[in-house]
């Protein structure tokens, strides 16, 4: 997500709480700024309204909640249920942000466990969820690339 958000400071706080996308924009652009996914995401998200962001965040939270439910129920990360949720997550990113290939999605899953900022944020929903997401994403990518 690029930080070129068409929101007032109050709307940013309402939507993102203490997280300020501007604080991470330079790092994200340095890492991904030359990619097609970055350009597509910047183009698409720059026109998002507050309501678009609300729908985007609500969908993401709903998918994350169902992933946490599966994890708490002991559903294996490589089961059809968990992989189907990972596929929903990938489709959500593609629908709202950029074309999220299985390779890109696998990289996101890896970042969820290798970057403590992501791990901490995801694990607020349920401890261990970042690792579970990563395993389900990886299994789903393998399933679709087989």
N, C-alpha and C. Protein backbone atom coordinates (compact mmCIF):
# COMPACT_ATOMS: atom_id res chain seq x y z
N UNK A 1 0.85 -1.16 0.00
CA UNK A 1 0.00 0.00 0.00
C UNK A 1 0.90 1.23 0.00
N UNK A 2 0.65 2.13 -0.90
CA UNK A 2 1.39 3.38 -0.90
C UNK A 2 0.76 4.31 0.12
N UNK A 3 1.52 5.32 0.52
CA UNK A 3 1.00 6.24 1.53
C UNK A 3 0.30 7.45 0.91
N UNK A 4 0.08 7.45 -0.38
CA UNK A 4 -0.63 8.56 -1.02
C UNK A 4 -2.13 8.39 -0.79
N UNK A 5 -2.53 8.51 0.46
CA UNK A 5 -3.92 8.29 0.82
C UNK A 5 -4.69 9.59 0.73
N UNK A 6 -5.85 9.51 0.13
CA UNK A 6 -6.71 10.67 -0.05
C UNK A 6 -7.63 10.78 1.18
N UNK A 7 -7.01 10.99 2.37
CA UNK A 7 -7.75 11.03 3.63
C UNK A 7 -7.28 12.20 4.48
N UNK A 8 -8.16 12.70 5.29
CA UNK A 8 -7.77 13.72 6.26
C UNK A 8 -7.00 13.04 7.39
N UNK A 9 -6.24 13.79 8.18
CA UNK A 9 -5.56 13.18 9.32
C UNK A 9 -6.54 12.49 10.28
N UNK A 10 -7.71 13.05 10.46
CA UNK A 10 -8.71 12.44 11.34
C UNK A 10 -9.19 11.10 10.79
N UNK A 11 -9.42 11.06 9.47
CA UNK A 11 -9.86 9.81 8.84
C UNK A 11 -8.77 8.74 8.95
N UNK A 12 -7.51 9.14 8.76
CA UNK A 12 -6.41 8.17 8.91
C UNK A 12 -6.40 7.57 10.30
N UNK A 13 -6.56 8.42 11.32
CA UNK A 13 -6.57 7.92 12.69
C UNK A 13 -7.77 7.01 12.92
N UNK A 14 -8.93 7.40 12.40
CA UNK A 14 -10.13 6.58 12.55
C UNK A 14 -9.95 5.20 11.92
N UNK A 15 -9.34 5.18 10.74
CA UNK A 15 -9.19 3.93 10.00
C UNK A 15 -8.04 3.07 10.48
N UNK A 16 -6.90 3.71 10.75
CA UNK A 16 -5.67 2.96 11.01
C UNK A 16 -5.19 3.03 12.45
N UNK A 17 -5.86 3.80 13.30
CA UNK A 17 -5.45 3.91 14.69
C UNK A 17 -4.05 4.49 14.80
N UNK A 18 -3.22 3.86 15.60
CA UNK A 18 -1.85 4.34 15.82
C UNK A 18 -0.94 4.09 14.63
N UNK A 19 -1.34 3.22 13.72
CA UNK A 19 -0.53 2.93 12.54
C UNK A 19 -0.65 4.10 11.56
N UNK A 20 0.48 4.65 11.18
CA UNK A 20 0.49 5.73 10.19
C UNK A 20 1.22 5.24 8.95
N UNK A 21 0.51 5.02 7.85
CA UNK A 21 1.16 4.52 6.64
C UNK A 21 2.33 5.39 6.19
N UNK A 22 2.27 6.69 6.45
CA UNK A 22 3.37 7.57 6.04
C UNK A 22 4.68 7.19 6.73
N UNK A 23 4.59 6.66 7.94
CA UNK A 23 5.80 6.29 8.68
C UNK A 23 6.57 5.16 7.99
N UNK A 24 5.90 4.39 7.16
CA UNK A 24 6.52 3.23 6.52
C UNK A 24 6.63 3.39 5.00
N UNK A 25 6.15 4.50 4.49
CA UNK A 25 6.10 4.69 3.04
C UNK A 25 7.47 4.67 2.39
N UNK A 26 8.44 5.35 2.98
CA UNK A 26 9.77 5.41 2.38
C UNK A 26 10.41 4.02 2.33
N UNK A 27 10.29 3.27 3.41
CA UNK A 27 10.85 1.92 3.44
C UNK A 27 10.17 1.03 2.40
N UNK A 28 8.84 1.11 2.32
CA UNK A 28 8.11 0.28 1.36
C UNK A 28 8.49 0.66 -0.07
N UNK A 29 8.59 1.94 -0.32
CA UNK A 29 8.96 2.37 -1.68
C UNK A 29 10.38 1.94 -2.03
N UNK A 30 11.28 1.99 -1.06
CA UNK A 30 12.65 1.54 -1.30
C UNK A 30 12.67 0.05 -1.64
N UNK A 31 11.86 -0.74 -0.95
CA UNK A 31 11.84 -2.19 -1.16
C UNK A 31 11.13 -2.58 -2.45
N UNK A 32 9.98 -1.91 -2.75
CA UNK A 32 9.12 -2.38 -3.84
C UNK A 32 8.81 -1.32 -4.89
N UNK A 33 9.37 -0.12 -4.74
CA UNK A 33 9.00 1.02 -5.58
C UNK A 33 9.13 0.81 -7.07
N UNK A 34 10.03 -0.06 -7.50
CA UNK A 34 10.21 -0.26 -8.93
C UNK A 34 9.38 -1.38 -9.51
N UNK A 35 8.52 -1.98 -8.72
CA UNK A 35 7.77 -3.14 -9.20
C UNK A 35 6.42 -2.73 -9.79
N UNK A 36 5.90 -3.59 -10.64
CA UNK A 36 4.57 -3.36 -11.20
C UNK A 36 3.51 -3.36 -10.10
N UNK A 37 3.68 -4.25 -9.10
CA UNK A 37 2.70 -4.33 -8.02
C UNK A 37 2.66 -3.00 -7.25
N UNK A 38 3.81 -2.40 -7.01
CA UNK A 38 3.85 -1.11 -6.32
C UNK A 38 3.09 -0.05 -7.12
N UNK A 39 3.39 0.03 -8.40
CA UNK A 39 2.74 1.04 -9.24
C UNK A 39 1.23 0.82 -9.30
N UNK A 40 0.83 -0.44 -9.43
CA UNK A 40 -0.61 -0.74 -9.49
C UNK A 40 -1.28 -0.40 -8.17
N UNK A 41 -0.65 -0.74 -7.06
CA UNK A 41 -1.22 -0.44 -5.75
C UNK A 41 -1.33 1.06 -5.53
N UNK A 42 -0.28 1.80 -5.89
CA UNK A 42 -0.31 3.26 -5.73
C UNK A 42 -1.44 3.87 -6.55
N UNK A 43 -1.60 3.39 -7.77
CA UNK A 43 -2.65 3.92 -8.64
C UNK A 43 -4.03 3.62 -8.06
N UNK A 44 -4.23 2.38 -7.66
CA UNK A 44 -5.55 1.97 -7.19
C UNK A 44 -5.91 2.59 -5.84
N UNK A 45 -5.00 2.54 -4.88
CA UNK A 45 -5.33 3.02 -3.54
C UNK A 45 -5.40 4.54 -3.46
N UNK A 46 -4.75 5.23 -4.38
CA UNK A 46 -4.79 6.70 -4.32
C UNK A 46 -6.20 7.25 -4.56
N UNK A 47 -7.08 6.45 -5.17
CA UNK A 47 -8.44 6.92 -5.41
C UNK A 47 -9.43 6.38 -4.37
N UNK A 48 -8.95 5.62 -3.39
CA UNK A 48 -9.84 5.07 -2.37
C UNK A 48 -10.43 6.19 -1.53
N UNK A 49 -11.71 6.07 -1.28
CA UNK A 49 -12.39 6.96 -0.34
C UNK A 49 -12.29 6.35 1.06
N UNK A 50 -12.75 7.09 2.04
CA UNK A 50 -12.80 6.56 3.40
C UNK A 50 -13.63 5.28 3.43
N UNK A 51 -14.74 5.27 2.70
CA UNK A 51 -15.61 4.09 2.67
C UNK A 51 -14.92 2.90 2.01
N UNK A 52 -14.13 3.15 0.97
CA UNK A 52 -13.35 2.07 0.35
C UNK A 52 -12.40 1.46 1.37
N UNK A 53 -11.68 2.33 2.10
CA UNK A 53 -10.75 1.84 3.11
C UNK A 53 -11.49 1.07 4.19
N UNK A 54 -12.65 1.52 4.58
CA UNK A 54 -13.43 0.79 5.59
C UNK A 54 -13.79 -0.60 5.10
N UNK A 55 -14.24 -0.72 3.85
CA UNK A 55 -14.59 -2.03 3.28
C UNK A 55 -13.34 -2.91 3.16
N UNK A 56 -12.25 -2.34 2.68
CA UNK A 56 -10.99 -3.08 2.54
C UNK A 56 -10.56 -3.65 3.90
N UNK A 57 -10.52 -2.80 4.91
CA UNK A 57 -10.08 -3.22 6.24
C UNK A 57 -11.04 -4.22 6.86
N UNK A 58 -12.35 -4.02 6.67
CA UNK A 58 -13.34 -4.95 7.21
C UNK A 58 -13.19 -6.33 6.58
N UNK A 59 -13.01 -6.38 5.26
CA UNK A 59 -12.81 -7.67 4.58
C UNK A 59 -11.56 -8.35 5.10
N UNK A 60 -10.48 -7.60 5.23
CA UNK A 60 -9.22 -8.17 5.71
C UNK A 60 -9.40 -8.74 7.12
N UNK A 61 -10.08 -7.98 7.99
CA UNK A 61 -10.31 -8.44 9.36
C UNK A 61 -11.19 -9.68 9.40
N UNK A 62 -12.17 -9.73 8.51
CA UNK A 62 -13.07 -10.88 8.46
C UNK A 62 -12.31 -12.14 8.03
N UNK A 63 -11.46 -12.01 7.03
CA UNK A 63 -10.66 -13.16 6.59
C UNK A 63 -9.71 -13.57 7.72
N UNK A 64 -9.07 -12.59 8.33
CA UNK A 64 -8.16 -12.89 9.43
C UNK A 64 -8.86 -13.55 10.60
N UNK A 65 -10.08 -13.12 10.89
CA UNK A 65 -10.84 -13.73 11.97
C UNK A 65 -11.16 -15.19 11.69
N UNK A 66 -11.54 -15.48 10.45
CA UNK A 66 -11.83 -16.87 10.09
C UNK A 66 -10.56 -17.72 10.09
N UNK A 67 -9.42 -17.11 9.70
CA UNK A 67 -8.15 -17.84 9.75
C UNK A 67 -7.79 -18.15 11.21
N UNK A 68 -8.01 -17.18 12.10
CA UNK A 68 -7.74 -17.40 13.52
C UNK A 68 -8.65 -18.49 14.09
N UNK A 69 -9.92 -18.49 13.68
CA UNK A 69 -10.85 -19.54 14.14
C UNK A 69 -10.35 -20.92 13.71
N UNK A 70 -9.89 -21.03 12.46
CA UNK A 70 -9.38 -22.31 11.98
C UNK A 70 -8.17 -22.74 12.78
N UNK A 71 -7.26 -21.79 13.04
CA UNK A 71 -6.05 -22.11 13.81
C UNK A 71 -6.43 -22.57 15.22
N UNK A 72 -7.32 -21.82 15.89
CA UNK A 72 -7.72 -22.18 17.26
C UNK A 72 -8.44 -23.53 17.31
N UNK A 73 -9.12 -23.89 16.21
CA UNK A 73 -9.82 -25.18 16.16
C UNK A 73 -8.87 -26.33 15.85
N UNK A 74 -7.59 -26.03 15.63
CA UNK A 74 -6.62 -27.08 15.35
C UNK A 74 -6.61 -27.55 13.91
N UNK A 75 -7.21 -26.78 13.01
CA UNK A 75 -7.24 -27.14 11.60
C UNK A 75 -5.81 -27.01 11.05
N UNK A 76 -5.26 -28.05 10.45
CA UNK A 76 -3.89 -27.96 9.92
C UNK A 76 -3.77 -26.86 8.86
N UNK A 77 -2.64 -26.16 8.88
CA UNK A 77 -2.41 -25.05 7.95
C UNK A 77 -2.40 -25.53 6.50
N UNK A 78 -2.11 -26.80 6.28
CA UNK A 78 -2.09 -27.33 4.91
C UNK A 78 -3.39 -28.04 4.54
N UNK A 79 -4.44 -27.83 5.34
CA UNK A 79 -5.74 -28.42 5.02
C UNK A 79 -6.43 -27.57 3.95
N UNK A 80 -7.42 -28.16 3.32
CA UNK A 80 -8.19 -27.41 2.33
C UNK A 80 -8.81 -26.15 2.94
N UNK A 81 -9.33 -26.26 4.15
CA UNK A 81 -9.97 -25.10 4.79
C UNK A 81 -8.99 -23.94 4.95
N UNK A 82 -7.81 -24.20 5.48
CA UNK A 82 -6.83 -23.14 5.69
C UNK A 82 -6.29 -22.62 4.36
N UNK A 83 -6.05 -23.53 3.42
CA UNK A 83 -5.55 -23.08 2.11
C UNK A 83 -6.61 -22.27 1.38
N UNK A 84 -7.88 -22.64 1.53
CA UNK A 84 -8.96 -21.86 0.90
C UNK A 84 -9.02 -20.45 1.50
N UNK A 85 -8.79 -20.33 2.80
CA UNK A 85 -8.74 -19.01 3.44
C UNK A 85 -7.53 -18.22 2.93
N UNK A 86 -6.40 -18.89 2.76
CA UNK A 86 -5.23 -18.22 2.20
C UNK A 86 -5.53 -17.74 0.78
N UNK A 87 -6.25 -18.54 0.04
CA UNK A 87 -6.64 -18.14 -1.33
C UNK A 87 -7.57 -16.93 -1.28
N UNK A 88 -8.47 -16.90 -0.33
CA UNK A 88 -9.35 -15.73 -0.16
C UNK A 88 -8.51 -14.49 0.15
N UNK A 89 -7.51 -14.65 0.99
CA UNK A 89 -6.61 -13.55 1.35
C UNK A 89 -5.89 -13.04 0.11
N UNK A 90 -5.37 -13.95 -0.71
CA UNK A 90 -4.67 -13.57 -1.94
C UNK A 90 -5.63 -12.84 -2.89
N UNK A 91 -6.85 -13.35 -3.03
CA UNK A 91 -7.84 -12.73 -3.91
C UNK A 91 -8.24 -11.34 -3.39
N UNK A 92 -8.31 -11.19 -2.08
CA UNK A 92 -8.61 -9.89 -1.47
C UNK A 92 -7.55 -8.86 -1.86
N UNK A 93 -6.30 -9.24 -1.78
CA UNK A 93 -5.21 -8.33 -2.15
C UNK A 93 -5.32 -7.99 -3.64
N UNK A 94 -5.58 -9.00 -4.46
CA UNK A 94 -5.71 -8.77 -5.91
C UNK A 94 -6.89 -7.85 -6.22
N UNK A 95 -8.00 -8.06 -5.55
CA UNK A 95 -9.20 -7.26 -5.80
C UNK A 95 -8.98 -5.79 -5.42
N UNK A 96 -8.28 -5.54 -4.34
CA UNK A 96 -8.18 -4.19 -3.82
C UNK A 96 -6.87 -3.46 -4.16
N UNK A 97 -5.77 -4.19 -4.27
CA UNK A 97 -4.46 -3.52 -4.31
C UNK A 97 -3.68 -3.75 -5.60
N UNK A 98 -3.33 -4.97 -5.87
CA UNK A 98 -2.49 -5.30 -7.03
C UNK A 98 -2.64 -6.78 -7.32
N UNK A 99 -2.18 -7.18 -8.49
CA UNK A 99 -2.23 -8.59 -8.86
C UNK A 99 -1.25 -9.35 -7.96
N UNK A 100 -1.81 -10.12 -7.06
CA UNK A 100 -1.00 -10.84 -6.08
C UNK A 100 -0.81 -12.27 -6.58
N UNK A 101 0.33 -12.51 -7.24
CA UNK A 101 0.65 -13.84 -7.72
C UNK A 101 0.93 -14.76 -6.53
N UNK A 102 1.00 -16.05 -6.79
CA UNK A 102 1.33 -16.98 -5.71
C UNK A 102 2.74 -16.71 -5.20
N UNK A 103 3.65 -16.33 -6.06
CA UNK A 103 5.02 -16.01 -5.64
C UNK A 103 5.02 -14.79 -4.71
N UNK A 104 4.30 -13.74 -5.10
CA UNK A 104 4.21 -12.56 -4.25
C UNK A 104 3.54 -12.91 -2.93
N UNK A 105 2.47 -13.69 -3.00
CA UNK A 105 1.75 -14.06 -1.78
C UNK A 105 2.64 -14.85 -0.84
N UNK A 106 3.43 -15.76 -1.39
CA UNK A 106 4.36 -16.53 -0.56
C UNK A 106 5.34 -15.59 0.12
N UNK A 107 5.82 -14.58 -0.62
CA UNK A 107 6.73 -13.59 -0.04
C UNK A 107 6.08 -12.80 1.09
N UNK A 108 4.79 -12.46 0.91
CA UNK A 108 4.07 -11.77 1.98
C UNK A 108 3.99 -12.65 3.22
N UNK A 109 3.65 -13.90 3.02
CA UNK A 109 3.57 -14.83 4.15
C UNK A 109 4.90 -14.93 4.88
N UNK A 110 5.98 -14.99 4.12
CA UNK A 110 7.31 -15.04 4.74
C UNK A 110 7.58 -13.77 5.54
N UNK A 111 7.15 -12.62 5.00
CA UNK A 111 7.36 -11.35 5.69
C UNK A 111 6.52 -11.30 6.98
N UNK A 112 5.39 -11.95 6.99
CA UNK A 112 4.55 -11.97 8.18
C UNK A 112 5.28 -12.57 9.38
N UNK A 113 6.21 -13.50 9.11
CA UNK A 113 6.94 -14.11 10.22
C UNK A 113 8.37 -13.57 10.36
N UNK A 114 8.92 -12.98 9.32
CA UNK A 114 10.30 -12.49 9.42
C UNK A 114 10.39 -11.04 9.89
N UNK A 115 9.33 -10.28 9.75
CA UNK A 115 9.32 -8.88 10.18
C UNK A 115 8.47 -8.78 11.45
N UNK A 116 9.11 -8.48 12.57
CA UNK A 116 8.37 -8.46 13.83
C UNK A 116 7.21 -7.46 13.85
N UNK A 117 7.26 -6.44 13.04
CA UNK A 117 6.15 -5.49 12.99
C UNK A 117 4.90 -6.16 12.43
N UNK A 118 5.07 -6.98 11.39
CA UNK A 118 3.93 -7.71 10.83
C UNK A 118 3.48 -8.79 11.80
N UNK A 119 4.44 -9.54 12.33
CA UNK A 119 4.10 -10.62 13.26
C UNK A 119 3.28 -10.08 14.43
N UNK A 120 3.74 -9.01 15.01
CA UNK A 120 3.06 -8.42 16.15
C UNK A 120 1.64 -7.97 15.80
N UNK A 121 1.49 -7.31 14.67
CA UNK A 121 0.17 -6.84 14.27
C UNK A 121 -0.80 -7.97 14.00
N UNK A 122 -0.33 -8.99 13.29
CA UNK A 122 -1.19 -10.13 12.96
C UNK A 122 -1.51 -10.95 14.21
N UNK A 123 -0.51 -11.13 15.06
CA UNK A 123 -0.71 -11.93 16.27
C UNK A 123 -1.59 -11.24 17.31
N UNK A 124 -1.95 -9.97 17.09
CA UNK A 124 -2.92 -9.32 17.98
C UNK A 124 -4.28 -9.99 17.85
N UNK A 125 -4.58 -10.51 16.67
CA UNK A 125 -5.84 -11.23 16.48
C UNK A 125 -5.83 -12.53 17.25
N UNK A 126 -4.72 -13.25 17.17
CA UNK A 126 -4.55 -14.51 17.90
C UNK A 126 -3.06 -14.84 17.92
N UNK A 127 -2.50 -15.14 19.10
CA UNK A 127 -1.09 -15.50 19.16
C UNK A 127 -0.78 -16.68 18.24
N UNK A 128 0.25 -16.52 17.43
CA UNK A 128 0.65 -17.58 16.50
C UNK A 128 0.01 -17.47 15.13
N UNK A 129 -0.88 -16.50 14.94
CA UNK A 129 -1.61 -16.39 13.67
C UNK A 129 -0.69 -16.07 12.50
N UNK A 130 0.33 -15.26 12.71
CA UNK A 130 1.24 -14.91 11.61
C UNK A 130 1.90 -16.17 11.05
N UNK A 131 2.38 -17.03 11.93
CA UNK A 131 3.03 -18.27 11.47
C UNK A 131 2.02 -19.19 10.79
N UNK A 132 0.80 -19.24 11.31
CA UNK A 132 -0.24 -20.06 10.70
C UNK A 132 -0.59 -19.54 9.31
N UNK A 133 -0.74 -18.22 9.19
CA UNK A 133 -0.99 -17.61 7.89
C UNK A 133 0.12 -17.99 6.92
N UNK A 134 1.36 -17.82 7.36
CA UNK A 134 2.51 -18.11 6.49
C UNK A 134 2.47 -19.56 6.01
N UNK A 135 2.18 -20.48 6.91
CA UNK A 135 2.14 -21.90 6.52
C UNK A 135 0.98 -22.17 5.56
N UNK A 136 -0.18 -21.57 5.81
CA UNK A 136 -1.34 -21.77 4.92
C UNK A 136 -1.09 -21.14 3.55
N UNK A 137 -0.49 -19.96 3.54
CA UNK A 137 -0.16 -19.29 2.27
C UNK A 137 0.82 -20.13 1.47
N UNK A 138 1.85 -20.64 2.14
CA UNK A 138 2.85 -21.45 1.46
C UNK A 138 2.23 -22.74 0.90
N UNK A 139 1.40 -23.39 1.70
CA UNK A 139 0.73 -24.62 1.24
C UNK A 139 -0.18 -24.32 0.06
N UNK A 140 -0.89 -23.20 0.12
CA UNK A 140 -1.79 -22.84 -0.97
C UNK A 140 -1.00 -22.56 -2.24
N UNK A 141 0.10 -21.85 -2.12
CA UNK A 141 0.93 -21.55 -3.30
C UNK A 141 1.45 -22.85 -3.92
N UNK A 142 1.89 -23.77 -3.07
CA UNK A 142 2.37 -25.07 -3.58
C UNK A 142 1.24 -25.81 -4.27
N UNK A 143 0.06 -25.80 -3.67
CA UNK A 143 -1.11 -26.47 -4.25
C UNK A 143 -1.42 -25.92 -5.65
N UNK A 144 -1.33 -24.61 -5.83
CA UNK A 144 -1.69 -24.00 -7.10
C UNK A 144 -0.56 -24.04 -8.12
N UNK A 145 0.66 -24.26 -7.67
CA UNK A 145 1.79 -24.32 -8.61
C UNK A 145 2.20 -25.76 -8.90
N UNK A 146 1.43 -26.72 -8.36
CA UNK A 146 1.78 -28.14 -8.59
C UNK A 146 1.37 -28.59 -9.97
